[in-house]
Structure formats: C-alpha cells, structure tokens
C-alpha atoms as a PDB file:
ATOM      1  CA  MET A   1      -9.016  23.543 -15.063  1.00  0.00           C
ATOM      2  CA  GLY A   2      -9.992  23.441 -11.349  1.00  0.00           C
ATOM      3  CA  GLU A   3      -7.705  24.248  -8.453  1.00  0.00           C
ATOM      4  CA  ILE A   4      -6.041  21.555  -6.469  1.00  0.00           C
ATOM      5  CA  GLY A   5      -6.660  21.926  -2.804  1.00  0.00           C
ATOM      6  CA  HIS A   6      -3.948  21.600  -0.212  1.00  0.00           C
ATOM      7  CA  MET A   7      -3.953  18.735   2.271  1.00  0.00           C
ATOM      8  CA  ILE A   8      -3.713  19.825   5.900  1.00  0.00           C
ATOM      9  CA  TYR A   9      -2.517  17.301   8.526  1.00  0.00           C
ATOM     10  CA  PHE A  10      -3.057  17.546  12.300  1.00  0.00           C
ATOM     11  CA  ILE A  11      -1.504  15.313  14.932  1.00  0.00           C
ATOM     12  CA  VAL A  12      -3.619  15.291  18.194  1.00  0.00           C
ATOM     13  CA  ASN A  13      -2.846  13.756  21.576  1.00  0.00           C
ATOM     14  CA  PRO A  14      -6.388  12.827  22.815  1.00  0.00           C
ATOM     15  CA  LEU A  15      -5.138  12.455  26.384  1.00  0.00           C
ATOM     16  CA  ALA A  16      -3.389  15.859  26.584  1.00  0.00           C
ATOM     17  CA  GLY A  17      -4.750  18.424  28.970  1.00  0.00           C
ATOM     18  CA  GLY A  18      -6.881  15.920  30.797  1.00  0.00           C
ATOM     19  CA  GLY A  19      -8.765  15.088  27.627  1.00  0.00           C
ATOM     20  CA  LYS A  20      -8.749  18.485  25.999  1.00  0.00           C
ATOM     21  CA  GLY A  21      -6.880  16.913  23.077  1.00  0.00           C
ATOM     22  CA  ALA A  22      -9.887  14.921  22.292  1.00  0.00           C
ATOM     23  CA  GLU A  23     -12.026  17.950  22.486  1.00  0.00           C
ATOM     24  CA  ALA A  24      -9.569  19.687  20.057  1.00  0.00           C
ATOM     25  CA  LYS A  25     -10.087  16.981  17.580  1.00  0.00           C
ATOM     26  CA  THR A  26     -13.858  17.334  17.722  1.00  0.00           C
ATOM     27  CA  LEU A  27     -13.546  21.125  17.305  1.00  0.00           C
ATOM     28  CA  LEU A  28     -11.139  20.626  14.359  1.00  0.00           C
ATOM     29  CA  ASN A  29     -13.633  18.311  12.687  1.00  0.00           C
ATOM     30  CA  GLU A  30     -16.430  20.808  13.127  1.00  0.00           C
ATOM     31  CA  VAL A  31     -14.503  23.796  11.935  1.00  0.00           C
ATOM     32  CA  LEU A  32     -12.779  22.047   8.980  1.00  0.00           C
ATOM     33  CA  SER A  33     -15.899  20.411   7.726  1.00  0.00           C
ATOM     34  CA  ALA A  34     -16.739  23.758   6.076  1.00  0.00           C
ATOM     35  CA  TYR A  35     -13.199  23.943   4.655  1.00  0.00           C
ATOM     36  CA  ASP A  36     -13.086  23.469   0.942  1.00  0.00           C
ATOM     37  CA  GLY A  37      -9.979  21.379   0.975  1.00  0.00           C
ATOM     38  CA  LYS A  38      -8.688  18.076   2.355  1.00  0.00           C
ATOM     39  CA  TYR A  39      -7.533  17.376   5.777  1.00  0.00           C
ATOM     40  CA  GLU A  40      -6.595  14.445   8.018  1.00  0.00           C
ATOM     41  CA  ILE A  41      -6.381  14.165  11.784  1.00  0.00           C
ATOM     42  CA  TYR A  42      -4.102  11.576  13.361  1.00  0.00           C
ATOM     43  CA  GLU A  43      -4.314  10.651  17.109  1.00  0.00           C
ATOM     44  CA  THR A  44      -1.214   9.714  18.989  1.00  0.00           C
ATOM     45  CA  GLU A  45      -1.360   6.487  20.977  1.00  0.00           C
ATOM     46  CA  TYR A  46       1.826   6.401  22.986  1.00  0.00           C
ATOM     47  CA  PRO A  47       4.867   8.638  23.896  1.00  0.00           C
ATOM     48  CA  LYS A  48       6.778   9.929  20.928  1.00  0.00           C
ATOM     49  CA  HIS A  49       4.038   8.602  18.514  1.00  0.00           C
ATOM     50  CA  ALA A  50       3.536  12.130  17.025  1.00  0.00           C
ATOM     51  CA  ILE A  51       7.206  12.076  15.854  1.00  0.00           C
ATOM     52  CA  GLU A  52       6.670   8.646  14.256  1.00  0.00           C
ATOM     53  CA  LEU A  53       3.422   9.853  12.597  1.00  0.00           C
ATOM     54  CA  ALA A  54       5.036  12.986  11.189  1.00  0.00           C
ATOM     55  CA  LYS A  55       8.152  11.145   9.883  1.00  0.00           C
ATOM     56  CA  LYS A  56       5.954   8.455   8.203  1.00  0.00           C
ATOM     57  CA  ARG A  57       3.596  11.070   6.748  1.00  0.00           C
ATOM     58  CA  PHE A  58       6.258  13.091   5.183  1.00  0.00           C
ATOM     59  CA  ASP A  59       8.274  10.227   3.795  1.00  0.00           C
ATOM     60  CA  LEU A  60       7.644  10.626   0.102  1.00  0.00           C
ATOM     61  CA  ASN A  61       7.766   6.840  -0.453  1.00  0.00           C
ATOM     62  CA  MET A  62       4.840   6.116   1.963  1.00  0.00           C
ATOM     63  CA  THR A  63       1.263   6.046   0.975  1.00  0.00           C
ATOM     64  CA  ASP A  64      -1.688   6.841   3.182  1.00  0.00           C
ATOM     65  CA  LYS A  65      -2.362   3.175   3.579  1.00  0.00           C
ATOM     66  CA  GLU A  66       1.092   2.486   4.948  1.00  0.00           C
ATOM     67  CA  LEU A  67       0.539   5.088   7.676  1.00  0.00           C
END
C-alpha cells in the first residue's frame, strides 16, 4: 500500500511588494515541481480575497471545482 501525499496550499498576492508576489508564485512552482506531493497555488484578485479563499478551501463541504 502506497503512502498518501499531503496537499499543500498557498495563497499568493501577485501585486504584493511591487510584483514580488508574482515572483514568489514562479519560485514556488519551480521549487515544488520537484516535491513528491500535491500542491495548489491560488492568487488573490482583490482586498480580503485571501480570507475568502482560505475559508472556501477549508470548508469541508466544498470541492476544488467550487473554489
């Protein structure tokens, strides 16, 4: 029986730090592409969007498609 990998979630503000948030997303993708697990990166689109994303993602009744 194989191991089940853990899913890791990131929420990134692409406009933060004068665009450094977008650079962080690129770096995360590069580093995590070698990770033997699953990950997802979400980008914020407006103020307080990160809060909404986190609440939706961790609502056990929501699926990935509903996010």
